[in-house]
């Protein structure tokens, strides 16, 4: 597990997560998307996260969390494409509203890109809701190129897709 400091925040890769950490991530994911973190909603989300982390090794999914002391204030989930292992997708990013605009999303992004490059990644794909202007602005500021809008097959939500080319993987000695 790698750790790095971003002002008073610690960024670390999540391995075998304990139930308390999962509850913190679940609570944050609900708050970050303007939900109400009821005990039932947190338990349901924590169970889903536990299943995702349990499958992480098989699915090549990596989680990074940002902590401020004992509090989880941000997380990102990066998934490596099984069919095309040089392609990655940025599956989720959440930062607690009280900790936004402090560089946490950028640091989580940087760690996920480092991880993708270290695993021979050539591109990271992402998507967000078409009406999520802060997320669209963040994608653009981080260097993602817009691919266009579409309707999500599962629920019909209007989304916009992005790609971030990472370049050619470095070969030893180059």
C-alpha atoms as a PDB file:
ATOM      1  CA  UNK A   1       0.000   0.000   0.000  1.00  0.00           C
ATOM      2  CA  UNK A   2       1.482   3.336  -1.051  1.00  0.00           C
ATOM      3  CA  UNK A   3       0.844   6.515   0.921  1.00  0.00           C
ATOM      4  CA  UNK A   4       1.425  10.154   0.054  1.00  0.00           C
ATOM      5  CA  UNK A   5       0.715  13.418   1.833  1.00  0.00           C
ATOM      6  CA  UNK A   6      -1.321  16.238   0.266  1.00  0.00           C
ATOM      7  CA  UNK A   7      -1.171  19.095   2.806  1.00  0.00           C
ATOM      8  CA  UNK A   8      -2.897  17.550   5.820  1.00  0.00           C
ATOM      9  CA  UNK A   9      -4.435  14.721   3.803  1.00  0.00           C
ATOM     10  CA  UNK A  10      -3.076  11.209   3.381  1.00  0.00           C
ATOM     11  CA  UNK A  11      -3.737   9.372   0.112  1.00  0.00           C
ATOM     12  CA  UNK A  12      -3.480   5.582   0.238  1.00  0.00           C
ATOM     13  CA  UNK A  13      -4.388   2.587  -1.854  1.00  0.00           C
ATOM     14  CA  UNK A  14      -7.096   0.403  -0.345  1.00  0.00           C
ATOM     15  CA  UNK A  15      -6.285  -3.270  -0.019  1.00  0.00           C
ATOM     16  CA  UNK A  16      -8.187  -5.553   2.278  1.00  0.00           C
ATOM     17  CA  UNK A  17     -10.652  -3.071   3.714  1.00  0.00           C
ATOM     18  CA  UNK A  18     -12.065  -3.335   7.181  1.00  0.00           C
ATOM     19  CA  UNK A  19     -15.762  -2.784   7.854  1.00  0.00           C
ATOM     20  CA  UNK A  20     -15.206   0.638   9.458  1.00  0.00           C
ATOM     21  CA  UNK A  21     -13.317   1.939   6.406  1.00  0.00           C
ATOM     22  CA  UNK A  22     -16.077   0.628   4.120  1.00  0.00           C
ATOM     23  CA  UNK A  23     -18.706   2.426   6.210  1.00  0.00           C
ATOM     24  CA  UNK A  24     -16.700   5.660   5.943  1.00  0.00           C
ATOM     25  CA  UNK A  25     -16.383   5.319   2.152  1.00  0.00           C
ATOM     26  CA  UNK A  26     -20.087   4.435   1.859  1.00  0.00           C
ATOM     27  CA  UNK A  27     -21.101   7.429   3.976  1.00  0.00           C
ATOM     28  CA  UNK A  28     -18.888   9.719   1.864  1.00  0.00           C
ATOM     29  CA  UNK A  29     -20.228   8.405  -1.440  1.00  0.00           C
ATOM     30  CA  UNK A  30     -23.794   9.142  -0.304  1.00  0.00           C
ATOM     31  CA  UNK A  31     -22.948  12.641   1.027  1.00  0.00           C
ATOM     32  CA  UNK A  32     -20.876  13.563  -2.035  1.00  0.00           C
ATOM     33  CA  UNK A  33     -23.825  12.971  -4.345  1.00  0.00           C
ATOM     34  CA  UNK A  34     -26.218  14.990  -2.159  1.00  0.00           C
ATOM     35  CA  UNK A  35     -27.899  12.021  -0.503  1.00  0.00           C
ATOM     36  CA  UNK A  36     -28.933  11.538   3.090  1.00  0.00           C
ATOM     37  CA  UNK A  37     -26.681   8.991   4.833  1.00  0.00           C
ATOM     38  CA  UNK A  38     -29.241   6.978   6.765  1.00  0.00           C
ATOM     39  CA  UNK A  39     -27.997   3.931   8.650  1.00  0.00           C
ATOM     40  CA  UNK A  40     -29.734   1.656   6.136  1.00  0.00           C
ATOM     41  CA  UNK A  41     -28.312   3.506   3.097  1.00  0.00           C
ATOM     42  CA  UNK A  42     -24.779   3.382   4.543  1.00  0.00           C
ATOM     43  CA  UNK A  43     -25.080  -0.337   5.333  1.00  0.00           C
ATOM     44  CA  UNK A  44     -26.373  -1.087   1.819  1.00  0.00           C
ATOM     45  CA  UNK A  45     -23.600   0.948   0.168  1.00  0.00           C
ATOM     46  CA  UNK A  46     -20.926  -0.550   2.473  1.00  0.00           C
ATOM     47  CA  UNK A  47     -22.064  -4.062   1.535  1.00  0.00           C
ATOM     48  CA  UNK A  48     -21.851  -3.188  -2.176  1.00  0.00           C
ATOM     49  CA  UNK A  49     -18.363  -1.695  -1.674  1.00  0.00           C
ATOM     50  CA  UNK A  50     -17.261  -4.794   0.231  1.00  0.00           C
ATOM     51  CA  UNK A  51     -18.349  -6.939  -2.715  1.00  0.00           C
ATOM     52  CA  UNK A  52     -16.518  -4.618  -5.148  1.00  0.00           C
ATOM     53  CA  UNK A  53     -13.312  -4.739  -3.096  1.00  0.00           C
ATOM     54  CA  UNK A  54     -13.578  -8.520  -2.726  1.00  0.00           C
ATOM     55  CA  UNK A  55     -13.762  -8.744  -6.518  1.00  0.00           C
ATOM     56  CA  UNK A  56     -11.081  -6.079  -7.006  1.00  0.00           C
ATOM     57  CA  UNK A  57      -8.177  -8.455  -7.585  1.00  0.00           C
ATOM     58  CA  UNK A  58     -10.114 -10.501 -10.137  1.00  0.00           C
ATOM     59  CA  UNK A  59     -11.481  -7.429 -11.889  1.00  0.00           C
ATOM     60  CA  UNK A  60      -8.300  -5.340 -11.643  1.00  0.00           C
ATOM     61  CA  UNK A  61     -10.068  -2.599  -9.721  1.00  0.00           C
ATOM     62  CA  UNK A  62      -8.061  -0.276  -7.507  1.00  0.00           C
ATOM     63  CA  UNK A  63      -9.367   2.077  -4.823  1.00  0.00           C
ATOM     64  CA  UNK A  64      -7.514   5.083  -3.418  1.00  0.00           C
ATOM     65  CA  UNK A  65      -8.789   7.003  -0.391  1.00  0.00           C
ATOM     66  CA  UNK A  66      -7.973  10.438   1.000  1.00  0.00           C
ATOM     67  CA  UNK A  67      -7.989  10.725   4.766  1.00  0.00           C
ATOM     68  CA  UNK A  68      -7.908  13.744   7.029  1.00  0.00           C
ATOM     69  CA  UNK A  69      -6.960  12.269  10.379  1.00  0.00           C
ATOM     70  CA  UNK A  70      -9.392   9.417  10.977  1.00  0.00           C
ATOM     71  CA  UNK A  71     -11.911  10.719   8.439  1.00  0.00           C
ATOM     72  CA  UNK A  72     -12.249   9.472   4.878  1.00  0.00           C
ATOM     73  CA  UNK A  73     -12.807  12.653   2.868  1.00  0.00           C
ATOM     74  CA  UNK A  74     -12.383  11.352  -0.681  1.00  0.00           C
ATOM     75  CA  UNK A  75     -11.985   8.259  -2.810  1.00  0.00           C
ATOM     76  CA  UNK A  76     -11.504   7.176  -6.404  1.00  0.00           C
ATOM     77  CA  UNK A  77     -12.058   3.803  -8.064  1.00  0.00           C
ATOM     78  CA  UNK A  78      -9.986   2.861 -11.126  1.00  0.00           C
ATOM     79  CA  UNK A  79     -10.783  -0.225 -13.179  1.00  0.00           C
ATOM     80  CA  UNK A  80      -8.508  -1.964 -15.686  1.00  0.00           C
ATOM     81  CA  UNK A  81     -10.315  -3.290 -18.755  1.00  0.00           C
ATOM     82  CA  UNK A  82     -10.198  -7.080 -18.806  1.00  0.00           C
ATOM     83  CA  UNK A  83     -10.369  -7.368 -22.618  1.00  0.00           C
ATOM     84  CA  UNK A  84      -7.866  -4.542 -23.275  1.00  0.00           C
ATOM     85  CA  UNK A  85      -5.576  -4.324 -20.216  1.00  0.00           C
ATOM     86  CA  UNK A  86      -3.859  -1.148 -21.416  1.00  0.00           C
ATOM     87  CA  UNK A  87      -7.174   0.720 -21.013  1.00  0.00           C
ATOM     88  CA  UNK A  88      -8.502   1.931 -17.669  1.00  0.00           C
ATOM     89  CA  UNK A  89     -11.717   3.595 -16.581  1.00  0.00           C
ATOM     90  CA  UNK A  90     -12.197   6.098 -13.793  1.00  0.00           C
ATOM     91  CA  UNK A  91     -15.294   4.539 -12.209  1.00  0.00           C
ATOM     92  CA  UNK A  92     -16.006   6.830  -9.277  1.00  0.00           C
ATOM     93  CA  UNK A  93     -14.667   9.931  -7.586  1.00  0.00           C
ATOM     94  CA  UNK A  94     -16.121  11.521  -4.481  1.00  0.00           C
ATOM     95  CA  UNK A  95     -14.856  14.267  -2.187  1.00  0.00           C
ATOM     96  CA  UNK A  96     -16.773  15.362   0.911  1.00  0.00           C
ATOM     97  CA  UNK A  97     -18.389  18.783   0.289  1.00  0.00           C
ATOM     98  CA  UNK A  98     -16.527  20.302   3.278  1.00  0.00           C
ATOM     99  CA  UNK A  99     -13.166  19.285   1.768  1.00  0.00           C
ATOM    100  CA  UNK A 100     -13.653  20.288  -1.863  1.00  0.00           C
ATOM    101  CA  UNK A 101     -11.450  22.793  -3.706  1.00  0.00           C
ATOM    102  CA  UNK A 102      -8.376  21.744  -1.717  1.00  0.00           C
ATOM    103  CA  UNK A 103      -6.672  19.608  -4.358  1.00  0.00           C
ATOM    104  CA  UNK A 104      -7.930  16.264  -3.065  1.00  0.00           C
ATOM    105  CA  UNK A 105      -9.602  15.244  -6.342  1.00  0.00           C
ATOM    106  CA  UNK A 106      -6.447  16.211  -8.239  1.00  0.00           C
ATOM    107  CA  UNK A 107      -4.259  14.150  -5.894  1.00  0.00           C
ATOM    108  CA  UNK A 108      -6.578  11.136  -6.139  1.00  0.00           C
ATOM    109  CA  UNK A 109      -6.560  11.580  -9.911  1.00  0.00           C
ATOM    110  CA  UNK A 110      -2.747  11.778  -9.976  1.00  0.00           C
ATOM    111  CA  UNK A 111      -2.431   8.578  -7.927  1.00  0.00           C
ATOM    112  CA  UNK A 112      -4.867   6.740 -10.188  1.00  0.00           C
ATOM    113  CA  UNK A 113      -2.972   7.878 -13.311  1.00  0.00           C
ATOM    114  CA  UNK A 114       0.361   6.802 -11.746  1.00  0.00           C
ATOM    115  CA  UNK A 115      -1.204   3.413 -11.076  1.00  0.00           C
ATOM    116  CA  UNK A 116      -2.507   3.086 -14.648  1.00  0.00           C
ATOM    117  CA  UNK A 117       0.884   4.044 -16.111  1.00  0.00           C
ATOM    118  CA  UNK A 118       2.671   1.588 -13.807  1.00  0.00           C
ATOM    119  CA  UNK A 119       0.385  -1.129 -15.200  1.00  0.00           C
ATOM    120  CA  UNK A 120       1.072  -0.303 -18.866  1.00  0.00           C
ATOM    121  CA  UNK A 121      -1.984   1.908 -19.285  1.00  0.00           C
ATOM    122  CA  UNK A 122      -2.254   3.987 -22.445  1.00  0.00           C
ATOM    123  CA  UNK A 123      -5.580   5.713 -21.718  1.00  0.00           C
ATOM    124  CA  UNK A 124      -8.086   6.387 -18.964  1.00  0.00           C
ATOM    125  CA  UNK A 125     -11.757   6.710 -19.845  1.00  0.00           C
ATOM    126  CA  UNK A 126     -14.408   8.381 -17.723  1.00  0.00           C
ATOM    127  CA  UNK A 127     -17.990   9.546 -17.870  1.00  0.00           C
ATOM    128  CA  UNK A 128     -20.222  11.839 -15.873  1.00  0.00           C
ATOM    129  CA  UNK A 129     -23.777  13.096 -16.012  1.00  0.00           C
ATOM    130  CA  UNK A 130     -24.323  15.728 -18.694  1.00  0.00           C
ATOM    131  CA  UNK A 131     -25.680  18.197 -16.123  1.00  0.00           C
ATOM    132  CA  UNK A 132     -22.757  17.757 -13.684  1.00  0.00           C
ATOM    133  CA  UNK A 133     -20.874  20.942 -14.614  1.00  0.00           C
ATOM    134  CA  UNK A 134     -18.330  20.727 -11.747  1.00  0.00           C
ATOM    135  CA  UNK A 135     -17.317  17.216 -12.844  1.00  0.00           C
ATOM    136  CA  UNK A 136     -17.126  18.234 -16.505  1.00  0.00           C
ATOM    137  CA  UNK A 137     -14.944  21.224 -15.562  1.00  0.00           C
ATOM    138  CA  UNK A 138     -12.692  18.964 -13.465  1.00  0.00           C
ATOM    139  CA  UNK A 139     -12.279  16.469 -16.323  1.00  0.00           C
ATOM    140  CA  UNK A 140     -11.299  19.283 -18.676  1.00  0.00           C
ATOM    141  CA  UNK A 141      -8.900  20.825 -16.128  1.00  0.00           C
ATOM    142  CA  UNK A 142      -7.209  17.435 -15.661  1.00  0.00           C
ATOM    143  CA  UNK A 143      -6.592  17.121 -19.405  1.00  0.00           C
ATOM    144  CA  UNK A 144      -9.364  14.725 -20.396  1.00  0.00           C
ATOM    145  CA  UNK A 145     -10.697  15.106 -23.935  1.00  0.00           C
ATOM    146  CA  UNK A 146     -14.451  15.068 -24.417  1.00  0.00           C
ATOM    147  CA  UNK A 147     -15.736  12.178 -26.553  1.00  0.00           C
ATOM    148  CA  UNK A 148     -19.360  13.304 -26.760  1.00  0.00           C
ATOM    149  CA  UNK A 149     -22.661  12.707 -25.027  1.00  0.00           C
ATOM    150  CA  UNK A 150     -24.793   9.580 -24.904  1.00  0.00           C
ATOM    151  CA  UNK A 151     -27.662   7.911 -23.063  1.00  0.00           C
ATOM    152  CA  UNK A 152     -26.530   5.268 -20.591  1.00  0.00           C
ATOM    153  CA  UNK A 153     -27.913   1.865 -21.612  1.00  0.00           C
ATOM    154  CA  UNK A 154     -28.777   0.785 -18.062  1.00  0.00           C
ATOM    155  CA  UNK A 155     -30.915   3.755 -17.020  1.00  0.00           C
ATOM    156  CA  UNK A 156     -31.129   6.193 -19.936  1.00  0.00           C
ATOM    157  CA  UNK A 157     -29.273   8.932 -18.025  1.00  0.00           C
ATOM    158  CA  UNK A 158     -27.660  11.538 -20.254  1.00  0.00           C
ATOM    159  CA  UNK A 159     -23.883  11.367 -19.874  1.00  0.00           C
ATOM    160  CA  UNK A 160     -20.714  12.719 -21.424  1.00  0.00           C
ATOM    161  CA  UNK A 161     -17.658  10.558 -22.067  1.00  0.00           C
ATOM    162  CA  UNK A 162     -13.997  11.532 -21.719  1.00  0.00           C
ATOM    163  CA  UNK A 163     -10.593  10.050 -22.527  1.00  0.00           C
ATOM    164  CA  UNK A 164      -7.177  10.898 -21.151  1.00  0.00           C
ATOM    165  CA  UNK A 165      -4.359   9.547 -23.357  1.00  0.00           C
ATOM    166  CA  UNK A 166      -1.402   8.470 -21.221  1.00  0.00           C
ATOM    167  CA  UNK A 167       1.066   8.002 -24.056  1.00  0.00           C
ATOM    168  CA  UNK A 168       3.076   4.928 -24.909  1.00  0.00           C
ATOM    169  CA  UNK A 169       4.162   2.792 -21.969  1.00  0.00           C
ATOM    170  CA  UNK A 170       7.835   3.131 -21.181  1.00  0.00           C
ATOM    171  CA  UNK A 171      10.010   0.135 -21.945  1.00  0.00           C
ATOM    172  CA  UNK A 172      12.818  -0.703 -19.502  1.00  0.00           C
ATOM    173  CA  UNK A 173      15.890   1.364 -20.284  1.00  0.00           C
ATOM    174  CA  UNK A 174      14.122   4.038 -22.338  1.00  0.00           C
END
